[in-house]
Structure formats: C-alpha cells, structure tokens
N, C-alpha and C. Protein backbone atom coordinates (compact mmCIF):
# COMPACT_ATOMS: atom_id res chain seq x y z
N MET A 1 16.81 42.71 3.40
CA MET A 1 17.24 42.67 4.78
C MET A 1 16.67 43.89 5.50
N GLU A 2 16.05 43.63 6.66
CA GLU A 2 15.43 44.69 7.44
C GLU A 2 16.47 45.30 8.39
N ILE A 3 16.37 46.60 8.59
CA ILE A 3 17.28 47.34 9.47
C ILE A 3 16.48 47.81 10.69
N CYS A 4 17.07 47.64 11.88
CA CYS A 4 16.44 48.09 13.11
C CYS A 4 16.40 49.61 13.14
N ASN A 5 15.26 50.18 13.53
CA ASN A 5 15.11 51.63 13.60
C ASN A 5 15.88 52.26 14.75
N LYS A 6 16.14 51.50 15.81
CA LYS A 6 16.80 52.07 17.00
C LYS A 6 18.32 52.05 16.88
N CYS A 7 18.89 50.87 16.58
CA CYS A 7 20.36 50.74 16.60
C CYS A 7 20.98 50.80 15.21
N GLY A 8 20.19 50.64 14.14
CA GLY A 8 20.71 50.74 12.79
C GLY A 8 21.38 49.46 12.27
N LEU A 9 21.32 48.40 13.06
CA LEU A 9 21.91 47.13 12.65
C LEU A 9 20.85 46.26 11.98
N PRO A 10 21.28 45.27 11.19
CA PRO A 10 20.29 44.34 10.62
C PRO A 10 19.51 43.63 11.73
N GLN A 11 18.26 43.26 11.48
CA GLN A 11 17.38 42.66 12.48
C GLN A 11 17.97 41.40 13.10
N ASP A 12 18.69 40.60 12.31
CA ASP A 12 19.19 39.33 12.87
C ASP A 12 20.33 39.52 13.87
N ILE A 13 20.99 40.67 13.88
CA ILE A 13 22.05 40.91 14.89
C ILE A 13 21.74 42.15 15.74
N CYS A 14 20.49 42.56 15.77
CA CYS A 14 20.06 43.72 16.55
C CYS A 14 20.36 43.47 18.05
N ILE A 15 20.88 44.53 18.70
CA ILE A 15 21.26 44.41 20.13
C ILE A 15 20.35 45.23 21.05
N CYS A 16 19.29 45.77 20.52
CA CYS A 16 18.40 46.62 21.35
C CYS A 16 17.82 45.86 22.53
N GLU A 17 17.35 44.65 22.33
CA GLU A 17 16.74 43.87 23.41
C GLU A 17 17.79 43.52 24.47
N ASP A 18 19.00 43.19 24.04
CA ASP A 18 20.05 42.87 25.01
C ASP A 18 20.40 44.08 25.87
N LEU A 19 20.49 45.25 25.25
CA LEU A 19 20.79 46.46 26.01
C LEU A 19 19.65 46.81 26.97
N ALA A 20 18.41 46.58 26.54
CA ALA A 20 17.27 46.88 27.38
C ALA A 20 17.23 45.94 28.59
N LYS A 21 17.64 44.69 28.41
CA LYS A 21 17.61 43.74 29.51
C LYS A 21 18.58 44.12 30.61
N GLU A 22 19.72 44.68 30.25
CA GLU A 22 20.77 44.98 31.24
C GLU A 22 20.41 46.14 32.14
N GLY A 23 19.51 47.03 31.72
CA GLY A 23 19.23 48.22 32.50
C GLY A 23 17.88 48.25 33.21
N GLN A 24 17.22 47.12 33.37
CA GLN A 24 15.88 47.11 33.95
C GLN A 24 15.90 46.64 35.41
N LYS A 25 15.20 47.38 36.25
CA LYS A 25 15.03 47.01 37.64
C LYS A 25 13.80 46.10 37.74
N ILE A 26 14.01 44.83 38.13
CA ILE A 26 12.93 43.85 38.15
C ILE A 26 12.66 43.45 39.59
N TYR A 27 11.37 43.38 39.94
CA TYR A 27 10.95 42.98 41.28
C TYR A 27 10.22 41.64 41.17
N ILE A 28 10.61 40.71 42.03
CA ILE A 28 9.96 39.40 42.07
C ILE A 28 9.35 39.24 43.47
N SER A 29 8.05 38.94 43.50
CA SER A 29 7.37 38.79 44.79
C SER A 29 6.32 37.69 44.67
N THR A 30 5.75 37.34 45.80
CA THR A 30 4.64 36.37 45.78
C THR A 30 3.39 37.01 46.40
N ASN A 31 2.27 36.62 45.87
CA ASN A 31 0.97 37.06 46.39
C ASN A 31 0.18 35.83 46.77
N THR A 32 -0.70 35.99 47.75
CA THR A 32 -1.61 34.89 48.12
C THR A 32 -2.96 35.18 47.48
N ARG A 33 -3.44 34.24 46.74
CA ARG A 33 -4.73 34.37 46.04
C ARG A 33 -5.80 33.62 46.83
N ARG A 34 -6.93 33.43 46.20
CA ARG A 34 -8.02 32.72 46.84
C ARG A 34 -7.59 31.31 47.21
N PHE A 35 -8.15 30.79 48.27
CA PHE A 35 -7.88 29.45 48.76
C PHE A 35 -6.41 29.23 49.10
N LYS A 36 -5.71 30.30 49.53
CA LYS A 36 -4.31 30.27 49.96
C LYS A 36 -3.35 29.76 48.87
N LYS A 37 -3.66 30.08 47.63
CA LYS A 37 -2.79 29.72 46.50
C LYS A 37 -1.78 30.83 46.31
N LEU A 38 -0.49 30.47 46.11
CA LEU A 38 0.55 31.44 45.90
C LEU A 38 0.74 31.70 44.41
N THR A 39 1.05 32.95 44.06
CA THR A 39 1.45 33.30 42.71
C THR A 39 2.74 34.10 42.79
N THR A 40 3.61 33.87 41.85
CA THR A 40 4.85 34.63 41.73
C THR A 40 4.61 35.76 40.74
N VAL A 41 4.94 36.99 41.14
CA VAL A 41 4.73 38.16 40.30
C VAL A 41 6.08 38.76 39.91
N ILE A 42 6.30 38.90 38.60
CA ILE A 42 7.52 39.52 38.08
C ILE A 42 7.14 40.86 37.51
N ASP A 43 7.64 41.94 38.11
CA ASP A 43 7.23 43.29 37.75
C ASP A 43 8.46 44.10 37.35
N GLY A 44 8.28 45.07 36.48
CA GLY A 44 9.36 45.99 36.12
C GLY A 44 9.97 45.69 34.76
N ILE A 45 9.48 44.72 34.04
CA ILE A 45 10.02 44.40 32.72
C ILE A 45 9.42 45.37 31.71
N ASP A 46 10.28 46.05 30.99
CA ASP A 46 9.84 47.03 29.98
C ASP A 46 9.34 46.28 28.75
N ASN A 47 8.02 46.25 28.57
CA ASN A 47 7.47 45.47 27.46
C ASN A 47 7.62 46.16 26.10
N LYS A 48 8.18 47.37 26.07
CA LYS A 48 8.45 48.01 24.78
C LYS A 48 9.73 47.46 24.14
N ASN A 49 10.69 47.09 24.98
CA ASN A 49 11.99 46.64 24.47
C ASN A 49 12.20 45.14 24.59
N VAL A 50 11.42 44.48 25.44
CA VAL A 50 11.56 43.04 25.65
C VAL A 50 10.23 42.39 25.28
N ASN A 51 10.29 41.28 24.58
CA ASN A 51 9.08 40.55 24.21
C ASN A 51 8.55 39.82 25.45
N ILE A 52 7.63 40.47 26.15
CA ILE A 52 7.15 39.94 27.44
C ILE A 52 6.32 38.66 27.24
N LYS A 53 5.61 38.55 26.12
CA LYS A 53 4.83 37.33 25.86
C LYS A 53 5.74 36.13 25.68
N GLU A 54 6.82 36.31 24.96
CA GLU A 54 7.76 35.20 24.75
C GLU A 54 8.45 34.82 26.06
N LEU A 55 8.80 35.82 26.87
CA LEU A 55 9.45 35.57 28.16
C LEU A 55 8.49 34.83 29.09
N ALA A 56 7.23 35.24 29.13
CA ALA A 56 6.24 34.56 29.99
C ALA A 56 6.06 33.11 29.55
N GLN A 57 6.04 32.88 28.25
CA GLN A 57 5.88 31.53 27.74
C GLN A 57 7.06 30.65 28.13
N LYS A 58 8.28 31.19 28.06
CA LYS A 58 9.48 30.45 28.47
C LYS A 58 9.43 30.10 29.95
N LEU A 59 9.02 31.07 30.77
CA LEU A 59 8.93 30.83 32.23
C LEU A 59 7.88 29.78 32.55
N LYS A 60 6.72 29.87 31.92
CA LYS A 60 5.67 28.88 32.17
C LYS A 60 6.09 27.49 31.75
N THR A 61 6.80 27.40 30.64
CA THR A 61 7.29 26.10 30.18
C THR A 61 8.33 25.54 31.11
N LYS A 62 9.27 26.38 31.53
CA LYS A 62 10.36 25.93 32.41
C LYS A 62 9.85 25.42 33.75
N PHE A 63 8.88 26.12 34.34
CA PHE A 63 8.39 25.76 35.66
C PHE A 63 7.13 24.88 35.61
N ALA A 64 6.68 24.53 34.43
CA ALA A 64 5.51 23.67 34.24
C ALA A 64 4.31 24.16 35.06
N CYS A 65 3.99 25.44 34.86
CA CYS A 65 2.89 26.02 35.61
C CYS A 65 2.08 26.92 34.69
N GLY A 66 0.94 27.34 35.17
CA GLY A 66 0.12 28.29 34.44
C GLY A 66 0.55 29.71 34.75
N GLY A 67 0.10 30.63 33.98
CA GLY A 67 0.44 32.03 34.24
C GLY A 67 -0.22 32.95 33.24
N THR A 68 -0.03 34.23 33.47
CA THR A 68 -0.65 35.24 32.62
C THR A 68 0.18 36.52 32.65
N ILE A 69 -0.20 37.44 31.77
CA ILE A 69 0.39 38.77 31.77
C ILE A 69 -0.74 39.75 32.08
N LYS A 70 -0.59 40.51 33.15
CA LYS A 70 -1.58 41.52 33.52
C LYS A 70 -0.88 42.83 33.84
N ASP A 71 -1.32 43.89 33.20
CA ASP A 71 -0.79 45.24 33.45
C ASP A 71 0.72 45.31 33.34
N GLY A 72 1.33 44.60 32.40
CA GLY A 72 2.78 44.63 32.22
C GLY A 72 3.54 43.78 33.21
N ARG A 73 2.83 42.97 33.99
CA ARG A 73 3.48 42.06 34.95
C ARG A 73 3.24 40.63 34.50
N ILE A 74 4.20 39.76 34.82
CA ILE A 74 4.02 38.33 34.57
C ILE A 74 3.63 37.68 35.90
N GLU A 75 2.55 36.91 35.87
CA GLU A 75 2.10 36.20 37.06
C GLU A 75 2.16 34.71 36.78
N LEU A 76 2.87 33.98 37.64
CA LEU A 76 3.01 32.53 37.51
C LEU A 76 2.34 31.86 38.70
N GLN A 77 1.70 30.74 38.47
CA GLN A 77 1.08 30.00 39.57
C GLN A 77 2.16 29.27 40.35
N GLY A 78 2.14 29.44 41.67
CA GLY A 78 3.11 28.78 42.54
C GLY A 78 4.22 29.72 42.99
N ASP A 79 5.06 29.22 43.88
CA ASP A 79 6.17 30.01 44.43
C ASP A 79 7.45 29.62 43.68
N HIS A 80 7.91 30.52 42.80
CA HIS A 80 9.08 30.23 41.97
C HIS A 80 10.09 31.38 42.05
N LYS A 81 10.18 32.08 43.16
CA LYS A 81 11.01 33.29 43.25
C LYS A 81 12.47 33.04 42.90
N GLU A 82 13.11 32.10 43.56
CA GLU A 82 14.53 31.85 43.33
C GLU A 82 14.80 31.30 41.93
N GLY A 83 13.94 30.42 41.47
CA GLY A 83 14.09 29.86 40.12
C GLY A 83 13.94 30.91 39.04
N VAL A 84 12.98 31.83 39.23
CA VAL A 84 12.77 32.89 38.26
C VAL A 84 13.99 33.80 38.21
N ARG A 85 14.53 34.12 39.38
CA ARG A 85 15.71 34.99 39.44
C ARG A 85 16.88 34.39 38.66
N SER A 86 17.18 33.12 38.90
CA SER A 86 18.32 32.50 38.21
C SER A 86 18.05 32.37 36.72
N LEU A 87 16.81 32.11 36.35
CA LEU A 87 16.48 31.99 34.93
C LEU A 87 16.57 33.34 34.21
N LEU A 88 16.12 34.42 34.87
CA LEU A 88 16.25 35.75 34.27
C LEU A 88 17.70 36.14 34.06
N ILE A 89 18.53 35.77 35.02
CA ILE A 89 19.96 36.05 34.89
C ILE A 89 20.54 35.31 33.69
N SER A 90 20.14 34.06 33.51
CA SER A 90 20.63 33.30 32.37
C SER A 90 20.12 33.84 31.04
N TYR A 91 18.98 34.55 31.05
CA TYR A 91 18.43 35.16 29.83
C TYR A 91 19.06 36.52 29.54
N GLY A 92 19.97 37.00 30.39
CA GLY A 92 20.70 38.24 30.09
C GLY A 92 20.32 39.43 30.94
N PHE A 93 19.41 39.28 31.90
CA PHE A 93 19.08 40.38 32.78
C PHE A 93 20.17 40.52 33.83
N SER A 94 20.41 41.75 34.31
CA SER A 94 21.48 42.02 35.28
C SER A 94 21.07 41.47 36.65
N LYS A 95 21.97 40.67 37.27
CA LYS A 95 21.62 40.10 38.58
C LYS A 95 21.58 41.14 39.68
N ASP A 96 22.27 42.26 39.50
CA ASP A 96 22.26 43.32 40.52
C ASP A 96 20.95 44.08 40.53
N LEU A 97 20.20 44.05 39.43
CA LEU A 97 18.97 44.82 39.32
C LEU A 97 17.71 43.96 39.55
N ILE A 98 17.88 42.69 39.93
CA ILE A 98 16.74 41.84 40.23
C ILE A 98 16.57 41.77 41.73
N GLU A 99 15.43 42.25 42.22
CA GLU A 99 15.19 42.28 43.66
C GLU A 99 14.04 41.36 44.01
N ILE A 100 14.28 40.51 45.03
CA ILE A 100 13.22 39.61 45.52
C ILE A 100 12.62 40.23 46.80
N LYS A 101 11.33 40.41 46.76
CA LYS A 101 10.64 41.02 47.92
C LYS A 101 10.11 39.93 48.83
C-alpha cells in the first residue's frame, strides 16, 4: 500500500487534491479567436495538486467540444462559461472562488 507524501494517508483515501480544490481562485473567461470563434479559458487551477489533464478531458467530454491545455490554462472551443462554473462546483471547487469575467 502506497502512502501519500503530503498528508500521510494511504493513496486510495488521500485528501490532498480535495483540499487543493477548495482553496483555488479560478477565472473563467472567453476569448475571440480567428474567424470570430469563441473559446472558453479556465485559468488559476494549480496543476501541481490537481490533475489538470484529467479535468480538461472531463470538461471536453461533458461539453462535446475540442480543447487543449496551454501554459497551465484549459481552453475549450465555444462559449461554456456558466456550464463550466457549475461543473467545477460539482467537482469540489469552491463556488465563492470561481470568478466569471
């Protein structure tokens, strides 16, 4: 059985990621790309404590859109600001620390 280096609990009940989710200030905004295409940008997620690749994959699957991770930000094709906010809250992020620009 593996033990987490941060919290000292076994890996299957480790709470480090849950604690990290509650204290992060996340910004959700939209950018206009070429040909007037909108992208939703999720910024402020600490990729050291949260698996950002897994989170991006869940968001892309949920909204049936393309996306990528650039410079620690998640970029989704289309305007999904409100949907992303509610989904992040359901994944355990604090609703008071999610700001829509």
